Amino acid sequence: MRVHVGDSKLVVLLLEYFEQQADCVAVRISDSEIEVSLVQSLRSDAHEAAVHDLVSGFRLQHPEARGVRTSPNGAPHSV
């Protein structure tokens, strides 16, 4: 899944989360985008909830931050 983030600080936060997960591989594509792969994960719901919490907390601290878009099939959409 490709994740486009409007703020490079949020990219760092998300990368830190995914680096701690044994069933994920995350790579920074640019200052505002990462690629995340789940390796045979049965916990995708848990990851989705954790990322939602991280993004929500970030937005509360940084209301000027732009939205996050994910594109599991190459088509970006708002989250």
N, C-alpha and C. Protein backbone atom coordinates (compact mmCIF):
# COMPACT_ATOMS: atom_id res chain seq x y z
N MET A 1 0.85 -1.16 0.00
CA MET A 1 0.00 0.00 0.00
C MET A 1 0.91 1.23 0.00
N ARG A 2 0.62 2.16 -0.86
CA ARG A 2 1.36 3.41 -0.88
C ARG A 2 0.58 4.43 -0.06
N VAL A 3 1.29 5.15 0.82
CA VAL A 3 0.67 6.15 1.67
C VAL A 3 1.30 7.49 1.39
N HIS A 4 0.49 8.44 0.93
CA HIS A 4 0.96 9.81 0.71
C HIS A 4 0.55 10.64 1.92
N VAL A 5 1.54 11.28 2.52
CA VAL A 5 1.32 12.07 3.73
C VAL A 5 1.75 13.51 3.43
N GLY A 6 0.94 14.47 3.80
CA GLY A 6 1.24 15.86 3.50
C GLY A 6 2.32 16.48 4.36
N ASP A 7 2.80 15.78 5.38
CA ASP A 7 3.78 16.36 6.30
C ASP A 7 4.88 15.34 6.56
N SER A 8 6.13 15.74 6.35
CA SER A 8 7.25 14.81 6.51
C SER A 8 7.41 14.33 7.95
N LYS A 9 6.95 15.12 8.94
CA LYS A 9 7.02 14.67 10.34
C LYS A 9 6.10 13.47 10.57
N LEU A 10 4.96 13.45 9.90
CA LEU A 10 4.05 12.33 10.02
C LEU A 10 4.64 11.09 9.33
N VAL A 11 5.38 11.28 8.24
CA VAL A 11 6.06 10.17 7.59
C VAL A 11 6.99 9.48 8.59
N VAL A 12 7.76 10.28 9.31
CA VAL A 12 8.69 9.73 10.31
C VAL A 12 7.93 8.95 11.38
N LEU A 13 6.83 9.50 11.87
CA LEU A 13 6.02 8.83 12.89
C LEU A 13 5.49 7.49 12.39
N LEU A 14 4.97 7.47 11.17
CA LEU A 14 4.44 6.23 10.61
C LEU A 14 5.55 5.21 10.36
N LEU A 15 6.69 5.66 9.86
CA LEU A 15 7.81 4.74 9.65
C LEU A 15 8.28 4.12 10.96
N GLU A 16 8.32 4.92 12.02
CA GLU A 16 8.70 4.39 13.33
C GLU A 16 7.73 3.30 13.78
N TYR A 17 6.45 3.52 13.56
CA TYR A 17 5.45 2.50 13.92
C TYR A 17 5.70 1.22 13.12
N PHE A 18 5.79 1.33 11.80
CA PHE A 18 5.92 0.14 10.96
C PHE A 18 7.24 -0.59 11.19
N GLU A 19 8.30 0.12 11.53
CA GLU A 19 9.58 -0.53 11.80
C GLU A 19 9.51 -1.41 13.04
N GLN A 20 8.60 -1.13 13.95
CA GLN A 20 8.44 -1.92 15.17
C GLN A 20 7.57 -3.16 14.95
N GLN A 21 6.95 -3.28 13.79
CA GLN A 21 6.04 -4.39 13.52
C GLN A 21 6.78 -5.48 12.74
N ALA A 22 6.74 -6.70 13.24
CA ALA A 22 7.44 -7.81 12.60
C ALA A 22 6.82 -8.23 11.27
N ASP A 23 5.55 -7.90 11.07
CA ASP A 23 4.86 -8.36 9.86
C ASP A 23 4.69 -7.26 8.81
N CYS A 24 5.50 -6.19 8.92
CA CYS A 24 5.41 -5.07 7.97
C CYS A 24 6.79 -4.70 7.45
N VAL A 25 6.79 -4.24 6.22
CA VAL A 25 7.98 -3.64 5.64
C VAL A 25 7.55 -2.28 5.11
N ALA A 26 8.22 -1.22 5.58
CA ALA A 26 7.88 0.14 5.14
C ALA A 26 9.13 0.80 4.59
N VAL A 27 8.97 1.47 3.45
CA VAL A 27 10.07 2.15 2.78
C VAL A 27 9.64 3.57 2.48
N ARG A 28 10.51 4.52 2.77
CA ARG A 28 10.23 5.92 2.45
C ARG A 28 10.49 6.13 0.95
N ILE A 29 9.47 6.60 0.25
CA ILE A 29 9.56 6.85 -1.19
C ILE A 29 10.02 8.28 -1.45
N SER A 30 9.50 9.22 -0.68
CA SER A 30 9.87 10.63 -0.79
C SER A 30 9.64 11.29 0.56
N ASP A 31 9.80 12.61 0.62
CA ASP A 31 9.56 13.32 1.88
C ASP A 31 8.14 13.15 2.39
N SER A 32 7.21 12.88 1.49
CA SER A 32 5.81 12.82 1.90
C SER A 32 5.11 11.51 1.54
N GLU A 33 5.89 10.45 1.25
CA GLU A 33 5.25 9.22 0.80
C GLU A 33 6.04 7.99 1.26
N ILE A 34 5.30 6.96 1.70
CA ILE A 34 5.91 5.69 2.06
C ILE A 34 5.17 4.56 1.36
N GLU A 35 5.85 3.44 1.21
CA GLU A 35 5.26 2.22 0.67
C GLU A 35 5.27 1.20 1.81
N VAL A 36 4.11 0.61 2.11
CA VAL A 36 3.99 -0.34 3.21
C VAL A 36 3.51 -1.67 2.65
N SER A 37 4.21 -2.73 3.03
CA SER A 37 3.79 -4.08 2.66
C SER A 37 3.57 -4.90 3.92
N LEU A 38 2.44 -5.55 3.99
CA LEU A 38 2.15 -6.46 5.10
C LEU A 38 2.59 -7.85 4.66
N VAL A 39 3.42 -8.49 5.46
CA VAL A 39 3.96 -9.80 5.14
C VAL A 39 3.10 -10.86 5.81
N GLN A 40 2.21 -11.45 5.06
CA GLN A 40 1.30 -12.49 5.56
C GLN A 40 0.66 -12.09 6.88
N SER A 41 0.17 -10.88 6.94
CA SER A 41 -0.39 -10.36 8.18
C SER A 41 -1.86 -10.72 8.32
N LEU A 42 -2.21 -11.20 9.50
CA LEU A 42 -3.61 -11.39 9.85
C LEU A 42 -4.09 -10.23 10.70
N ARG A 43 -3.19 -9.26 10.92
CA ARG A 43 -3.48 -8.15 11.82
C ARG A 43 -3.74 -6.85 11.06
N SER A 44 -4.17 -6.90 9.84
CA SER A 44 -4.35 -5.67 9.07
C SER A 44 -5.34 -4.72 9.75
N ASP A 45 -6.36 -5.26 10.40
CA ASP A 45 -7.31 -4.40 11.12
C ASP A 45 -6.62 -3.68 12.28
N ALA A 46 -5.74 -4.39 12.97
CA ALA A 46 -5.00 -3.79 14.09
C ALA A 46 -4.07 -2.69 13.58
N HIS A 47 -3.40 -2.95 12.45
CA HIS A 47 -2.52 -1.93 11.87
C HIS A 47 -3.32 -0.72 11.42
N GLU A 48 -4.44 -0.97 10.79
CA GLU A 48 -5.29 0.12 10.32
C GLU A 48 -5.73 1.00 11.49
N ALA A 49 -6.12 0.38 12.58
CA ALA A 49 -6.55 1.13 13.76
C ALA A 49 -5.39 1.91 14.37
N ALA A 50 -4.21 1.29 14.43
CA ALA A 50 -3.04 1.97 15.00
C ALA A 50 -2.63 3.17 14.16
N VAL A 51 -2.64 3.00 12.83
CA VAL A 51 -2.29 4.12 11.95
C VAL A 51 -3.32 5.23 12.08
N HIS A 52 -4.59 4.86 12.15
CA HIS A 52 -5.65 5.86 12.34
C HIS A 52 -5.41 6.67 13.62
N ASP A 53 -5.06 5.97 14.71
CA ASP A 53 -4.79 6.65 15.97
C ASP A 53 -3.57 7.57 15.87
N LEU A 54 -2.51 7.09 15.20
CA LEU A 54 -1.31 7.92 15.02
C LEU A 54 -1.62 9.17 14.21
N VAL A 55 -2.35 9.01 13.11
CA VAL A 55 -2.69 10.14 12.25
C VAL A 55 -3.61 11.11 12.98
N SER A 56 -4.60 10.59 13.70
CA SER A 56 -5.52 11.46 14.44
C SER A 56 -4.79 12.27 15.50
N GLY A 57 -3.91 11.61 16.25
CA GLY A 57 -3.12 12.31 17.27
C GLY A 57 -2.21 13.36 16.66
N PHE A 58 -1.60 13.03 15.51
CA PHE A 58 -0.74 13.98 14.82
C PHE A 58 -1.54 15.20 14.37
N ARG A 59 -2.72 14.95 13.80
CA ARG A 59 -3.55 16.07 13.32
C ARG A 59 -4.00 16.98 14.47
N LEU A 60 -4.23 16.41 15.64
CA LEU A 60 -4.60 17.23 16.80
C LEU A 60 -3.44 18.14 17.20
N GLN A 61 -2.23 17.62 17.12
CA GLN A 61 -1.05 18.40 17.49
C GLN A 61 -0.63 19.35 16.37
N HIS A 62 -0.96 19.01 15.11
CA HIS A 62 -0.54 19.80 13.95
C HIS A 62 -1.75 20.04 13.05
N PRO A 63 -2.66 20.92 13.44
CA PRO A 63 -3.89 21.12 12.65
C PRO A 63 -3.63 21.65 11.24
N GLU A 64 -2.44 22.18 11.00
CA GLU A 64 -2.12 22.70 9.67
C GLU A 64 -1.73 21.58 8.69
N ALA A 65 -1.54 20.37 9.20
CA ALA A 65 -1.10 19.25 8.36
C ALA A 65 -2.17 18.89 7.34
N ARG A 66 -1.70 18.55 6.15
CA ARG A 66 -2.61 18.12 5.10
C ARG A 66 -3.02 16.67 5.30
N GLY A 67 -3.98 16.22 4.51
CA GLY A 67 -4.53 14.88 4.64
C GLY A 67 -3.59 13.77 4.22
N VAL A 68 -4.00 12.56 4.53
CA VAL A 68 -3.25 11.35 4.18
C VAL A 68 -4.04 10.60 3.13
N ARG A 69 -3.35 10.13 2.11
CA ARG A 69 -4.01 9.34 1.07
C ARG A 69 -3.30 8.00 0.96
N THR A 70 -4.06 6.94 0.81
CA THR A 70 -3.48 5.62 0.58
C THR A 70 -3.92 5.11 -0.76
N SER A 71 -3.11 4.26 -1.35
CA SER A 71 -3.48 3.71 -2.65
C SER A 71 -3.03 2.26 -2.75
N PRO A 72 -3.85 1.33 -2.26
CA PRO A 72 -3.48 -0.07 -2.31
C PRO A 72 -3.37 -0.59 -3.74
N ASN A 73 -4.07 0.04 -4.67
CA ASN A 73 -4.03 -0.42 -6.06
C ASN A 73 -3.54 0.69 -7.00
N GLY A 74 -2.85 1.70 -6.45
CA GLY A 74 -2.30 2.76 -7.28
C GLY A 74 -3.22 3.97 -7.41
N ALA A 75 -4.46 3.88 -6.93
CA ALA A 75 -5.39 5.00 -7.03
C ALA A 75 -5.50 5.68 -5.68
N PRO A 76 -4.93 6.87 -5.51
CA PRO A 76 -4.98 7.53 -4.20
C PRO A 76 -6.40 7.93 -3.81
N HIS A 77 -6.64 7.91 -2.51
CA HIS A 77 -7.92 8.39 -1.98
C HIS A 77 -7.69 8.93 -0.59
N SER A 78 -8.60 9.76 -0.11
CA SER A 78 -8.44 10.38 1.21
C SER A 78 -8.79 9.41 2.31
N VAL A 79 -8.08 9.57 3.43
CA VAL A 79 -8.34 8.76 4.62
C VAL A 79 -8.84 9.68 5.69
